[in-house]
Amino acid sequence: MDNCDSSVADPKKQYKILKRLTKELVIENACLCDTVDLLGKRLYILEQERKFLLKRLLQKKQMKASLSKETEVETATTSSSKKTGLLNLKQKSGISAQQKSFRKV
């Protein structure tokens, strides 16, 4: 009879154990799902930030490139204007020196 009582008690104990394990697994699964969802949201935010920063970086590079081109053009024009300005100054100073020498005589 003891064998019969123990066999009846074992399925009940097994059921309770399995039920408890199932609850624990369901709770753990829910926790993992929440974690995956949270990490997915963080990943999405990071992707958006990366795209935004890449766009800004490209804009800055384009601005820098356009500014460097402008400065190259400005330096080229200023250097040529300085050369012509120096020539004009030399010519003017030469004329004024001639005028001064002419006035003295």
Protein backbone atom coordinates (compact mmCIF):
# COMPACT_ATOMS: atom_id res chain seq x y z
CA MET A 1 0.00 0.00 0.00
CA ASP A 2 2.87 2.33 0.65
CA ASN A 3 3.94 2.01 -2.95
CA CYS A 4 0.48 2.99 -4.05
CA ASP A 5 0.39 6.09 -1.80
CA SER A 6 3.85 7.22 -2.85
CA SER A 7 3.00 6.89 -6.54
CA VAL A 8 -0.05 9.10 -6.05
CA ALA A 9 1.92 11.70 -4.14
CA ASP A 10 4.73 11.83 -6.68
CA PRO A 11 2.62 13.11 -9.58
CA LYS A 12 1.18 15.85 -7.35
CA LYS A 13 4.65 16.89 -6.24
CA GLN A 14 5.90 16.73 -9.80
CA TYR A 15 2.95 18.85 -10.93
CA LYS A 16 3.66 21.49 -8.28
CA ILE A 17 7.35 21.49 -9.13
CA LEU A 18 6.64 21.79 -12.85
CA LYS A 19 4.06 24.51 -12.22
CA ARG A 20 6.54 26.51 -10.12
CA LEU A 21 9.29 26.04 -12.73
CA THR A 22 6.90 27.12 -15.47
CA LYS A 23 6.03 30.32 -13.56
CA GLU A 24 9.70 31.07 -13.02
CA LEU A 25 10.45 30.52 -16.69
CA VAL A 26 7.53 32.73 -17.75
CA ILE A 27 8.74 35.51 -15.44
CA GLU A 28 12.32 35.13 -16.68
CA ASN A 29 11.11 35.19 -20.29
CA ALA A 30 9.12 38.38 -19.63
CA CYS A 31 12.18 39.97 -18.04
CA LEU A 32 14.33 39.00 -21.02
CA CYS A 33 11.71 40.35 -23.44
CA ASP A 34 11.67 43.66 -21.57
CA THR A 35 15.46 43.80 -21.70
CA VAL A 36 15.48 43.05 -25.43
CA ASP A 37 12.87 45.76 -26.01
CA LEU A 38 14.85 48.30 -23.98
CA LEU A 39 18.07 47.46 -25.81
CA GLY A 40 16.26 47.70 -29.15
CA LYS A 41 15.07 51.20 -28.26
CA ARG A 42 18.56 52.22 -27.18
CA LEU A 43 19.99 50.82 -30.40
CA TYR A 44 17.45 52.78 -32.45
CA ILE A 45 18.33 55.99 -30.60
CA LEU A 46 22.04 55.38 -31.12
CA GLU A 47 21.51 54.73 -34.83
CA GLN A 48 19.59 58.00 -35.16
CA GLU A 49 22.31 59.89 -33.30
CA ARG A 50 24.98 58.33 -35.50
CA LYS A 51 23.12 59.36 -38.65
CA PHE A 52 22.66 62.89 -37.32
CA LEU A 53 26.32 63.21 -36.38
CA LEU A 54 27.46 61.84 -39.74
CA LYS A 55 25.30 64.41 -41.53
CA ARG A 56 26.74 67.21 -39.40
CA LEU A 57 30.27 65.95 -40.01
CA LEU A 58 29.69 65.93 -43.76
CA GLN A 59 28.24 69.45 -43.58
CA LYS A 60 31.26 70.67 -41.63
CA LYS A 61 33.64 69.03 -44.10
CA GLN A 62 31.80 70.62 -47.01
CA MET A 63 31.87 74.02 -45.30
CA LYS A 64 35.56 73.62 -44.57
CA ALA A 65 36.25 72.61 -48.17
CA SER A 66 34.29 75.54 -49.54
CA LEU A 67 36.01 77.93 -47.13
CA SER A 68 39.42 76.61 -48.10
CA LYS A 69 38.54 77.10 -51.76
CA GLU A 70 37.39 80.64 -51.00
CA THR A 71 40.57 81.41 -49.10
CA GLU A 72 42.64 80.01 -51.95
CA VAL A 73 40.80 82.29 -54.35
CA GLU A 74 41.14 85.22 -51.95
CA THR A 75 44.84 84.62 -51.41
CA ALA A 76 45.35 84.33 -55.13
CA THR A 77 43.49 87.57 -55.78
CA THR A 78 45.08 89.38 -52.85
CA SER A 79 48.55 88.26 -53.83
CA SER A 80 47.97 89.39 -57.40
CA SER A 81 46.44 92.65 -56.18
CA LYS A 82 49.37 93.13 -53.80
CA LYS A 83 51.76 92.65 -56.70
CA THR A 84 49.88 95.13 -58.83
CA GLY A 85 49.57 97.43 -55.82
CA LEU A 86 53.31 97.28 -55.27
CA LEU A 87 53.90 98.03 -58.92
CA ASN A 88 51.53 100.96 -58.70
CA LEU A 89 53.24 102.19 -55.55
CA LYS A 90 56.65 101.94 -57.19
CA GLN A 91 55.38 103.79 -60.22
CA LYS A 92 53.68 106.43 -58.09
CA SER A 93 56.71 106.84 -55.90
CA GLY A 94 58.85 107.11 -59.02
CA ILE A 95 56.58 109.80 -60.40
CA SER A 96 56.48 111.67 -57.17
CA ALA A 97 60.27 111.52 -56.92
CA GLN A 98 60.52 112.87 -60.45
CA GLN A 99 58.02 115.56 -59.61
CA LYS A 100 60.00 116.50 -56.51
CA SER A 101 63.23 116.67 -58.47
CA PHE A 102 61.50 118.72 -61.15
CA ARG A 103 60.12 121.12 -58.57
CA LYS A 104 63.54 121.60 -57.01
CA VAL A 105 65.04 122.67 -60.29
